[in-house]
Amino acid sequence: MKYDCGFEKWNNWFRYRVGGIIINNNKMLFVKSAIGDYYYMVGGGVHLGESSKACIEREIYEETGMHTCAQHLAVVCENFFKGVGGTIDGLDCHTIEFYYYMKIVDEDLKMCKSKTDNGEQLVWLSLEEIALQEIKPTFLKENINNIINEKNIIHIIEERDR
């Protein structure tokens, strides 16, 4: 059995996770949250003993059915927030997140599912639409052009609703 790198202690929840920046034809792939009116990046928890690069390639395949390759690490985010909904509701949350710029290996996007295994909808948003939507973590929306155009790693510390 694989275990995610994370734990809960008292009223605190910690997770080490990855996300994929997947762009095709000026549209970026997001997951529409089932517990709130927002979008987030495809990704998930890194397993103990697993590299972040291997994790994001695995997670994208599991959630979308697409084969991808991590091109480079784009963003490291230290994210602090109050959990809303689901198993983290009301908890003080702290995540370390690595966001990779991904390349689609098989250009046949028909392989991309329309929903994740959890039943959440996969949505391609144009770069213009991103500015109009609720995106989490919020730094993605605020810094999308820098993230897409920058080749160096961007380090962000995000604190909200704490």
Protein backbone atom coordinates (compact mmCIF):
# COMPACT_ATOMS: atom_id res chain seq x y z
CA MET A 1 0.00 0.00 0.00
CA LYS A 2 1.25 3.49 -0.89
CA TYR A 3 1.07 6.29 1.67
CA ASP A 4 0.84 9.99 0.88
CA CYS A 5 3.38 12.30 2.51
CA GLY A 6 1.11 14.06 4.94
CA PHE A 7 -0.33 13.94 8.41
CA GLU A 8 -2.94 15.42 10.71
CA LYS A 9 -2.15 16.46 14.28
CA TRP A 10 -4.58 18.22 16.59
CA ASN A 11 -6.29 20.85 14.41
CA ASN A 12 -3.49 20.91 11.82
CA TRP A 13 -3.26 19.17 8.45
CA PHE A 14 -0.09 18.91 6.34
CA ARG A 15 0.40 17.57 2.82
CA TYR A 16 3.21 17.38 0.28
CA ARG A 17 1.59 17.54 -3.15
CA VAL A 18 2.29 18.24 -6.81
CA GLY A 19 0.35 19.93 -9.60
CA GLY A 20 0.70 19.93 -13.36
CA ILE A 21 0.65 22.96 -15.64
CA ILE A 22 -0.77 21.44 -18.83
CA ILE A 23 -1.32 23.83 -21.74
CA ASN A 24 -2.62 22.93 -25.19
CA ASN A 25 -3.80 25.43 -27.83
CA ASN A 26 -3.65 28.30 -25.31
CA LYS A 27 -5.90 26.42 -22.89
CA MET A 28 -4.90 25.09 -19.50
CA LEU A 29 -6.29 21.93 -17.89
CA PHE A 30 -8.06 22.28 -14.53
CA VAL A 31 -10.27 20.20 -12.26
CA LYS A 32 -13.66 21.69 -11.29
CA SER A 33 -13.99 21.12 -7.54
CA ALA A 34 -16.89 18.98 -6.35
CA ILE A 35 -16.99 20.71 -2.94
CA GLY A 36 -16.74 24.36 -3.96
CA ASP A 37 -17.18 26.73 -6.87
CA TYR A 38 -13.54 26.82 -7.93
CA TYR A 39 -10.94 25.17 -10.16
CA TYR A 40 -7.60 23.64 -9.23
CA MET A 41 -4.66 22.02 -11.03
CA VAL A 42 -4.51 18.31 -11.79
CA GLY A 43 -2.21 16.65 -9.25
CA GLY A 44 -2.16 15.00 -5.88
CA GLY A 45 -0.22 13.75 -2.91
CA VAL A 46 3.33 12.49 -3.25
CA HIS A 47 3.76 8.95 -1.90
CA LEU A 48 6.48 8.12 0.62
CA GLY A 49 9.58 7.13 -1.37
CA GLU A 50 8.29 8.71 -4.61
CA SER A 51 9.91 11.66 -6.39
CA SER A 52 7.75 14.70 -7.12
CA LYS A 53 8.43 14.27 -10.86
CA ALA A 54 7.30 10.64 -10.87
CA CYS A 55 4.26 11.61 -8.80
CA ILE A 56 2.98 14.30 -11.16
CA GLU A 57 3.33 12.03 -14.18
CA ARG A 58 1.46 9.26 -12.31
CA GLU A 59 -1.26 11.57 -10.99
CA ILE A 60 -1.96 13.12 -14.39
CA TYR A 61 -2.26 9.69 -15.97
CA GLU A 62 -4.55 8.42 -13.18
CA GLU A 63 -6.80 11.48 -13.30
CA THR A 64 -6.86 12.23 -17.04
CA GLY A 65 -5.72 9.12 -18.92
CA MET A 66 -3.04 11.23 -20.67
CA HIS A 67 0.65 10.38 -20.77
CA THR A 68 2.75 13.44 -19.91
CA CYS A 69 6.36 14.25 -19.20
CA ALA A 70 7.52 16.80 -16.63
CA GLN A 71 9.49 19.46 -18.53
CA HIS A 72 10.69 21.53 -15.59
CA LEU A 73 9.75 22.59 -12.09
CA ALA A 74 7.96 25.93 -12.41
CA VAL A 75 6.67 26.81 -8.93
CA VAL A 76 7.33 25.87 -5.32
CA CYS A 77 4.48 27.03 -3.08
CA GLU A 78 4.26 27.06 0.69
CA ASN A 79 0.51 27.30 1.13
CA PHE A 80 -1.23 28.09 4.45
CA PHE A 81 -5.03 28.20 4.60
CA LYS A 82 -8.13 27.32 6.61
CA GLY A 83 -9.68 24.13 5.26
CA VAL A 84 -13.18 24.43 3.79
CA GLY A 85 -15.30 21.37 3.05
CA GLY A 86 -14.52 17.68 2.95
CA THR A 87 -12.10 16.04 5.36
CA ILE A 88 -10.11 19.26 5.97
CA ASP A 89 -13.08 21.45 6.92
CA GLY A 90 -12.06 23.82 9.71
CA LEU A 91 -8.48 22.57 9.92
CA ASP A 92 -5.39 24.78 9.77
CA CYS A 93 -3.80 23.54 6.55
CA HIS A 94 -0.19 23.71 5.40
CA THR A 95 0.91 22.29 2.06
CA ILE A 96 4.21 22.21 0.24
CA GLU A 97 3.39 22.14 -3.46
CA PHE A 98 5.61 21.58 -6.51
CA TYR A 99 4.08 22.66 -9.83
CA TYR A 100 5.64 21.21 -12.98
CA TYR A 101 5.29 22.48 -16.52
CA MET A 102 4.12 19.37 -18.39
CA LYS A 103 4.34 18.18 -21.98
CA ILE A 104 1.61 15.95 -23.39
CA VAL A 105 3.39 12.88 -24.79
CA ASP A 106 0.56 11.49 -26.87
CA GLU A 107 -0.96 14.45 -28.69
CA ASP A 108 -4.26 12.57 -29.05
CA LEU A 109 -6.33 14.55 -26.55
CA LYS A 110 -9.22 12.13 -27.09
CA MET A 111 -7.39 10.08 -24.45
CA CYS A 112 -8.16 12.81 -21.91
CA LYS A 113 -11.08 11.83 -19.71
CA SER A 114 -13.88 14.30 -19.04
CA LYS A 115 -14.00 13.44 -15.32
CA THR A 116 -11.53 12.30 -12.68
CA ASP A 117 -11.99 9.00 -10.85
CA ASN A 118 -13.60 11.05 -8.05
CA GLY A 119 -16.24 12.34 -10.48
CA GLU A 120 -14.84 15.87 -10.70
CA GLN A 121 -15.01 17.49 -14.13
CA LEU A 122 -11.83 18.13 -16.15
CA VAL A 123 -12.02 21.51 -17.89
CA TRP A 124 -9.78 23.27 -20.43
CA LEU A 125 -9.84 27.02 -19.68
CA SER A 126 -8.41 29.61 -22.04
CA LEU A 127 -5.77 31.85 -20.53
CA GLU A 128 -8.32 34.69 -20.74
CA GLU A 129 -10.98 32.63 -18.91
CA ILE A 130 -8.58 31.93 -16.03
CA ALA A 131 -8.73 35.62 -15.08
CA LEU A 132 -12.53 35.35 -14.70
CA GLN A 133 -12.66 32.14 -12.63
CA GLU A 134 -12.04 31.23 -9.00
CA ILE A 135 -8.72 29.37 -9.10
CA LYS A 136 -6.98 27.74 -6.12
CA PRO A 137 -4.33 28.30 -5.01
CA THR A 138 -4.98 31.96 -5.81
CA PHE A 139 -1.37 32.67 -6.80
CA LEU A 140 -1.93 30.69 -10.01
CA LYS A 141 -4.49 33.15 -11.30
CA GLU A 142 -2.51 36.20 -10.17
CA ASN A 143 0.80 34.98 -11.65
CA ILE A 144 -0.26 32.82 -14.61
CA ASN A 145 1.63 34.82 -17.25
CA ASN A 146 4.83 34.88 -15.17
CA ILE A 147 4.53 31.14 -14.51
CA ILE A 148 4.02 30.31 -18.19
CA ASN A 149 6.80 32.58 -19.48
CA GLU A 150 9.41 32.14 -16.72
CA LYS A 151 12.01 29.40 -17.03
CA ASN A 152 13.34 29.86 -13.49
CA ILE A 153 11.60 28.39 -10.47
CA ILE A 154 9.15 30.77 -8.80
CA HIS A 155 8.87 30.48 -4.99
CA ILE A 156 5.59 31.62 -3.47
CA ILE A 157 4.44 31.74 0.14
CA GLU A 158 0.67 32.05 0.24
CA GLU A 159 -1.22 32.75 3.45
CA ARG A 160 -4.98 33.27 3.47
CA ASP A 161 -7.95 32.83 5.77
CA ARG A 162 -5.76 31.81 8.72
